N, C-alpha and C. Protein backbone atom coordinates (compact mmCIF):
# COMPACT_ATOMS: atom_id res chain seq x y z
N MET A 1 -16.40 -40.10 -5.71
CA MET A 1 -15.51 -39.91 -6.83
C MET A 1 -15.30 -38.30 -6.65
N LYS A 2 -15.45 -37.09 -5.79
CA LYS A 2 -15.16 -36.31 -5.72
C LYS A 2 -13.70 -36.41 -4.54
N LYS A 3 -14.17 -36.99 -3.18
CA LYS A 3 -12.76 -37.73 -2.64
C LYS A 3 -11.22 -38.59 -3.23
N VAL A 4 -11.21 -38.76 -4.39
CA VAL A 4 -10.80 -39.49 -4.89
C VAL A 4 -9.41 -38.32 -6.04
N VAL A 5 -10.94 -37.44 -6.54
CA VAL A 5 -10.22 -35.75 -6.47
C VAL A 5 -9.20 -34.98 -5.96
N ILE A 6 -9.83 -35.10 -4.65
CA ILE A 6 -9.69 -34.56 -3.80
C ILE A 6 -8.50 -34.32 -3.50
N LEU A 7 -8.02 -36.43 -3.18
CA LEU A 7 -7.23 -36.76 -2.67
C LEU A 7 -5.78 -36.88 -3.61
N SER A 8 -6.27 -37.19 -5.01
CA SER A 8 -5.30 -36.90 -5.37
C SER A 8 -4.79 -35.41 -5.69
N LEU A 9 -5.54 -34.50 -5.66
CA LEU A 9 -4.97 -33.55 -6.21
C LEU A 9 -3.95 -32.64 -5.13
N GLY A 10 -4.46 -33.27 -3.58
CA GLY A 10 -3.07 -33.14 -2.19
C GLY A 10 -2.09 -34.44 -2.81
N VAL A 11 -2.04 -35.12 -3.14
CA VAL A 11 -0.94 -35.75 -2.76
C VAL A 11 0.10 -35.41 -4.15
N LEU A 12 -0.83 -34.88 -5.35
CA LEU A 12 0.00 -34.28 -6.70
C LEU A 12 0.63 -32.95 -5.79
N GLY A 13 0.03 -32.04 -5.08
CA GLY A 13 0.66 -30.58 -4.96
C GLY A 13 2.09 -31.16 -4.08
N VAL A 14 1.82 -32.42 -2.59
CA VAL A 14 3.23 -32.36 -1.72
C VAL A 14 3.82 -32.80 -2.75
N LEU A 15 3.73 -34.10 -3.68
CA LEU A 15 5.07 -34.09 -4.55
C LEU A 15 5.90 -33.27 -5.44
N ALA A 16 4.72 -32.00 -5.76
CA ALA A 16 4.98 -30.38 -6.74
C ALA A 16 6.08 -30.32 -5.45
N THR A 17 6.04 -29.56 -4.78
CA THR A 17 6.39 -28.90 -3.41
C THR A 17 7.02 -29.75 -2.69
N GLY A 18 7.74 -30.70 -2.89
CA GLY A 18 8.50 -31.84 -1.71
C GLY A 18 9.71 -31.46 -2.24
N CYS A 19 10.25 -30.69 -3.40
CA CYS A 19 11.27 -31.06 -4.10
C CYS A 19 12.42 -29.46 -4.66
N VAL A 20 11.36 -28.56 -3.15
CA VAL A 20 11.56 -27.27 -3.47
C VAL A 20 13.35 -26.92 -2.62
N SER A 21 13.84 -25.90 -3.46
CA SER A 21 14.90 -25.67 -2.71
C SER A 21 15.35 -24.26 -2.58
N GLN A 22 16.41 -24.17 -2.24
CA GLN A 22 16.50 -22.25 -1.48
C GLN A 22 17.33 -22.16 -2.69
N PRO A 23 17.59 -20.82 -3.01
CA PRO A 23 18.54 -20.71 -4.10
C PRO A 23 19.79 -20.17 -3.15
N LEU A 24 21.20 -20.63 -3.92
CA LEU A 24 22.51 -19.66 -4.21
C LEU A 24 22.85 -19.15 -4.67
N LYS A 25 23.62 -18.33 -4.46
CA LYS A 25 24.44 -17.31 -5.62
C LYS A 25 25.78 -17.16 -5.22
N ILE A 26 26.64 -18.18 -5.74
CA ILE A 26 28.11 -17.92 -5.39
C ILE A 26 28.73 -16.67 -6.38
N PRO A 27 29.10 -15.89 -5.64
CA PRO A 27 29.87 -14.02 -6.13
C PRO A 27 31.73 -15.16 -6.63
N THR A 28 31.74 -14.52 -7.49
CA THR A 28 33.34 -14.92 -8.41
C THR A 28 34.36 -13.54 -7.61
N THR A 29 33.50 -12.32 -7.23
CA THR A 29 34.09 -11.77 -7.38
C THR A 29 33.84 -10.47 -5.96
N ALA A 30 34.16 -9.70 -5.38
CA ALA A 30 33.60 -8.83 -4.19
C ALA A 30 33.28 -7.34 -4.92
N SER A 31 31.90 -6.58 -4.77
CA SER A 31 31.91 -5.41 -5.13
C SER A 31 32.49 -4.01 -4.37
N THR A 32 32.54 -4.96 -2.39
CA THR A 32 32.53 -4.23 -1.77
C THR A 32 33.99 -4.49 -1.19
N PRO A 33 34.56 -3.18 -0.30
CA PRO A 33 36.23 -3.71 0.24
C PRO A 33 35.98 -4.91 0.74
N TYR A 34 37.10 -5.75 1.07
CA TYR A 34 36.64 -6.70 1.55
C TYR A 34 38.41 -7.31 1.59
N THR A 35 38.53 -7.88 2.91
CA THR A 35 40.44 -8.81 3.76
C THR A 35 40.10 -9.83 3.15
N VAL A 36 40.96 -10.71 3.09
CA VAL A 36 41.33 -11.90 2.45
C VAL A 36 41.47 -12.79 4.08
N VAL A 37 40.90 -13.89 4.44
CA VAL A 37 41.22 -14.13 5.60
C VAL A 37 41.76 -15.88 5.18
N GLY A 38 41.70 -16.49 4.23
CA GLY A 38 42.30 -17.82 3.65
C GLY A 38 41.72 -18.36 3.12
N GLU A 39 42.18 -19.50 3.44
CA GLU A 39 41.69 -21.26 1.96
C GLU A 39 40.68 -21.28 2.89
N GLY A 40 39.67 -21.27 2.83
CA GLY A 40 38.40 -22.21 3.51
C GLY A 40 37.33 -23.48 2.60
N LYS A 41 37.16 -24.52 3.16
CA LYS A 41 36.65 -25.41 3.36
C LYS A 41 35.07 -25.67 3.47
N GLY A 42 34.56 -26.42 2.58
CA GLY A 42 33.19 -26.82 3.63
C GLY A 42 32.47 -28.05 2.52
N SER A 43 31.72 -28.94 3.40
CA SER A 43 30.94 -30.38 2.75
C SER A 43 29.95 -30.14 3.06
N ALA A 44 29.49 -31.17 2.15
CA ALA A 44 27.88 -31.76 2.91
C ALA A 44 27.43 -32.75 1.87
N THR A 45 25.92 -33.03 2.86
CA THR A 45 26.43 -34.37 1.93
C THR A 45 24.11 -35.16 2.41
N GLY A 46 24.15 -35.10 0.63
CA GLY A 46 22.49 -35.46 0.36
C GLY A 46 22.39 -36.60 0.36
N LEU A 47 21.03 -37.06 0.53
CA LEU A 47 20.37 -38.65 0.03
C LEU A 47 19.47 -38.79 -0.83
N MET A 48 19.59 -39.78 -1.42
CA MET A 48 18.72 -40.21 -2.34
C MET A 48 17.65 -41.52 -1.31
N LEU A 49 16.30 -41.47 -0.76
CA LEU A 49 16.21 -43.08 -0.29
C LEU A 49 15.52 -43.70 -1.35
N PHE A 50 15.41 -45.27 -2.05
CA PHE A 50 14.79 -45.62 -2.86
C PHE A 50 14.83 -44.89 -3.57
N GLY A 51 15.67 -43.87 -4.18
CA GLY A 51 15.82 -43.36 -5.48
C GLY A 51 14.63 -41.56 -5.76
N LEU A 52 13.79 -42.33 -4.66
CA LEU A 52 12.48 -40.91 -4.06
C LEU A 52 12.82 -39.51 -3.81
N ILE A 53 13.15 -40.36 -2.29
CA ILE A 53 12.62 -39.74 -1.43
C ILE A 53 13.99 -38.57 -0.75
N PRO A 54 14.08 -37.21 -0.79
CA PRO A 54 15.24 -37.02 -1.00
C PRO A 54 16.09 -35.90 0.58
N ILE A 55 16.66 -36.78 1.24
CA ILE A 55 17.29 -36.28 2.29
C ILE A 55 17.92 -34.94 2.54
N GLY A 56 18.13 -34.17 3.10
CA GLY A 56 18.82 -33.12 3.24
C GLY A 56 19.86 -32.93 1.58
N GLN A 57 18.94 -33.59 0.40
CA GLN A 57 19.61 -33.52 -0.77
C GLN A 57 19.70 -31.74 -1.33
N ASN A 58 18.67 -31.66 -0.88
CA ASN A 58 17.88 -29.63 -1.59
C ASN A 58 19.16 -28.74 -0.91
N GLU A 59 19.37 -28.46 -0.53
CA GLU A 59 20.15 -28.25 0.24
C GLU A 59 21.59 -27.93 0.29
N ARG A 60 21.97 -28.88 -0.11
CA ARG A 60 23.43 -29.51 0.14
C ARG A 60 24.22 -28.77 -0.47
N PHE A 61 24.52 -27.97 -1.34
CA PHE A 61 24.78 -27.06 -1.79
C PHE A 61 25.29 -25.72 -1.19
N VAL A 62 24.07 -25.21 -0.10
CA VAL A 62 23.88 -24.14 0.87
C VAL A 62 24.85 -24.44 2.00
N ARG A 63 24.61 -25.61 2.26
CA ARG A 63 25.12 -26.26 3.78
C ARG A 63 26.66 -25.95 3.12
N ALA A 64 27.35 -26.12 2.54
CA ALA A 64 28.68 -26.92 2.01
C ALA A 64 29.28 -25.49 1.96
N TYR A 65 28.79 -24.56 0.99
CA TYR A 65 29.05 -23.52 1.23
C TYR A 65 28.86 -22.63 2.70
N ASP A 66 28.38 -22.69 3.25
CA ASP A 66 28.17 -21.62 4.56
C ASP A 66 28.59 -22.71 5.46
N ALA A 67 29.57 -23.75 5.29
CA ALA A 67 30.18 -24.33 5.80
C ALA A 67 31.98 -23.76 5.59
N ALA A 68 32.27 -23.54 4.31
CA ALA A 68 33.34 -22.99 3.81
C ALA A 68 34.30 -21.35 3.95
N VAL A 69 32.49 -20.84 4.38
CA VAL A 69 32.82 -19.66 4.87
C VAL A 69 33.67 -19.77 6.16
N LYS A 70 32.31 -20.72 7.38
CA LYS A 70 32.52 -20.13 8.12
C LYS A 70 34.03 -21.12 8.91
N SER A 71 34.40 -21.89 7.92
CA SER A 71 35.26 -22.50 8.13
C SER A 71 36.60 -21.19 8.28
N LYS A 72 36.38 -20.43 8.54
CA LYS A 72 37.47 -19.01 8.52
C LYS A 72 36.44 -18.11 9.24
N GLY A 73 35.82 -17.99 8.91
CA GLY A 73 35.25 -16.96 10.40
C GLY A 73 34.71 -15.78 9.18
N GLY A 74 34.46 -16.16 8.13
CA GLY A 74 34.30 -14.80 6.73
C GLY A 74 32.69 -14.17 6.86
N ASP A 75 32.74 -13.83 5.74
CA ASP A 75 31.20 -13.38 5.26
C ASP A 75 31.19 -13.80 3.70
N ALA A 76 32.49 -14.02 2.71
CA ALA A 76 31.75 -14.51 1.26
C ALA A 76 32.72 -15.60 1.14
N LEU A 77 32.14 -16.01 -0.04
CA LEU A 77 34.34 -17.20 -0.77
C LEU A 77 33.84 -16.35 -1.90
N ILE A 78 35.36 -15.94 -2.68
CA ILE A 78 35.22 -16.13 -4.06
C ILE A 78 36.36 -16.93 -4.49
N ASP A 79 35.89 -17.09 -5.28
CA ASP A 79 37.34 -17.91 -6.63
C ASP A 79 36.70 -19.31 -6.00
N PRO A 80 35.20 -19.83 -6.31
CA PRO A 80 35.03 -21.35 -5.82
C PRO A 80 35.25 -22.54 -6.60
N VAL A 81 35.57 -23.14 -6.01
CA VAL A 81 35.60 -24.60 -6.53
C VAL A 81 35.00 -25.81 -6.36
N ILE A 82 33.55 -26.20 -6.28
CA ILE A 82 32.88 -26.98 -7.14
C ILE A 82 33.75 -28.74 -7.01
N LYS A 83 33.64 -29.57 -6.26
CA LYS A 83 33.48 -30.89 -6.23
C LYS A 83 32.43 -31.97 -6.28
N GLU A 84 32.20 -32.65 -6.92
CA GLU A 84 30.59 -33.51 -6.08
C GLU A 84 31.56 -35.20 -6.58
N ASN A 85 31.21 -35.78 -5.56
CA ASN A 85 30.75 -37.38 -4.95
C ASN A 85 29.87 -38.50 -4.44
N TRP A 86 29.26 -39.37 -5.19
CA TRP A 86 28.29 -39.76 -5.10
C TRP A 86 29.29 -40.92 -4.80
N PHE A 87 27.76 -41.33 -3.77
CA PHE A 87 28.14 -43.11 -3.91
C PHE A 87 26.77 -44.30 -3.73
N TRP A 88 26.58 -45.08 -4.42
CA TRP A 88 25.28 -46.21 -3.96
C TRP A 88 24.73 -47.45 -2.44
N ALA A 89 24.04 -47.37 -2.47
CA ALA A 89 23.95 -48.77 -1.46
C ALA A 89 22.48 -49.23 -1.88
N TYR A 90 22.09 -50.43 -1.47
CA TYR A 90 21.25 -51.17 -1.97
C TYR A 90 19.64 -50.35 -1.53
N VAL A 91 19.88 -49.26 -1.17
CA VAL A 91 18.08 -47.95 -0.60
C VAL A 91 18.47 -47.34 -0.71
N LEU A 92 19.89 -46.49 -1.15
CA LEU A 92 20.14 -45.06 -0.93
C LEU A 92 20.94 -44.68 -1.67
N ASP A 93 21.07 -43.71 -2.97
CA ASP A 93 21.70 -43.09 -2.89
C ASP A 93 22.06 -41.87 -2.63
N GLY A 94 23.42 -41.46 -2.38
CA GLY A 94 24.37 -40.12 -1.53
C GLY A 94 25.04 -39.57 -2.49
N TYR A 95 25.36 -38.13 -2.14
CA TYR A 95 25.70 -37.45 -3.28
C TYR A 95 26.67 -36.43 -2.16
N ASN A 96 27.63 -36.33 -2.16
CA ASN A 96 29.03 -35.23 -1.66
C ASN A 96 29.23 -34.42 -2.12
N THR A 97 28.61 -32.94 -1.32
CA THR A 97 29.58 -31.64 -2.39
C THR A 97 30.56 -31.02 -1.27
N GLN A 98 31.79 -31.09 -2.13
CA GLN A 98 32.89 -30.11 -1.70
C GLN A 98 33.11 -28.51 -2.21
N ILE A 99 33.13 -27.62 -1.44
CA ILE A 99 32.88 -26.45 -2.08
C ILE A 99 34.07 -25.87 -1.34
N SER A 100 35.12 -25.37 -1.59
CA SER A 100 36.45 -24.93 -1.53
C SER A 100 36.93 -23.01 -2.05
N GLY A 101 37.64 -22.26 -1.77
CA GLY A 101 37.75 -20.88 -2.28
C GLY A 101 37.89 -20.04 -0.98
N THR A 102 38.44 -19.10 -1.62
CA THR A 102 38.39 -18.10 -0.83
C THR A 102 37.93 -17.22 -0.14
N VAL A 103 38.31 -17.28 1.58
CA VAL A 103 37.08 -17.25 2.18
C VAL A 103 37.06 -15.43 2.51
N ILE A 104 36.31 -14.36 2.49
CA ILE A 104 36.83 -12.70 2.87
C ILE A 104 36.27 -12.66 3.69
N LYS A 105 36.15 -11.09 4.64
CA LYS A 105 35.65 -10.11 5.29
C LYS A 105 35.23 -9.29 4.89
N TYR A 106 34.48 -9.04 5.32
CA TYR A 106 34.22 -7.28 4.66
C TYR A 106 34.65 -6.42 5.33
N LYS A 107 34.98 -5.06 5.50
CA LYS A 107 34.75 -4.28 5.80
C LYS A 107 34.22 -3.21 6.65
């Protein structure tokens, strides 16, 4: 009985921490002096296998933001526009996030 309780708590712990993602704060204005580099675009896709198992799902906004900033070699993105599309297949759902905006470089 004790082994069943320990195993159940272990499985519950794995399931509870399996869907943690890193926070993303997108500044809409810059508080320090900057130079406008240009319009940047980035995208990232995440999947949900069998509707339960996230694959690249939790960090896709961060990856799309980073791709948009790096597309012009800047430091941050202001005036962001976020678009999302999804698709469905027999064993998975896919979510594509596209972020565009003005890329800036801090002075």
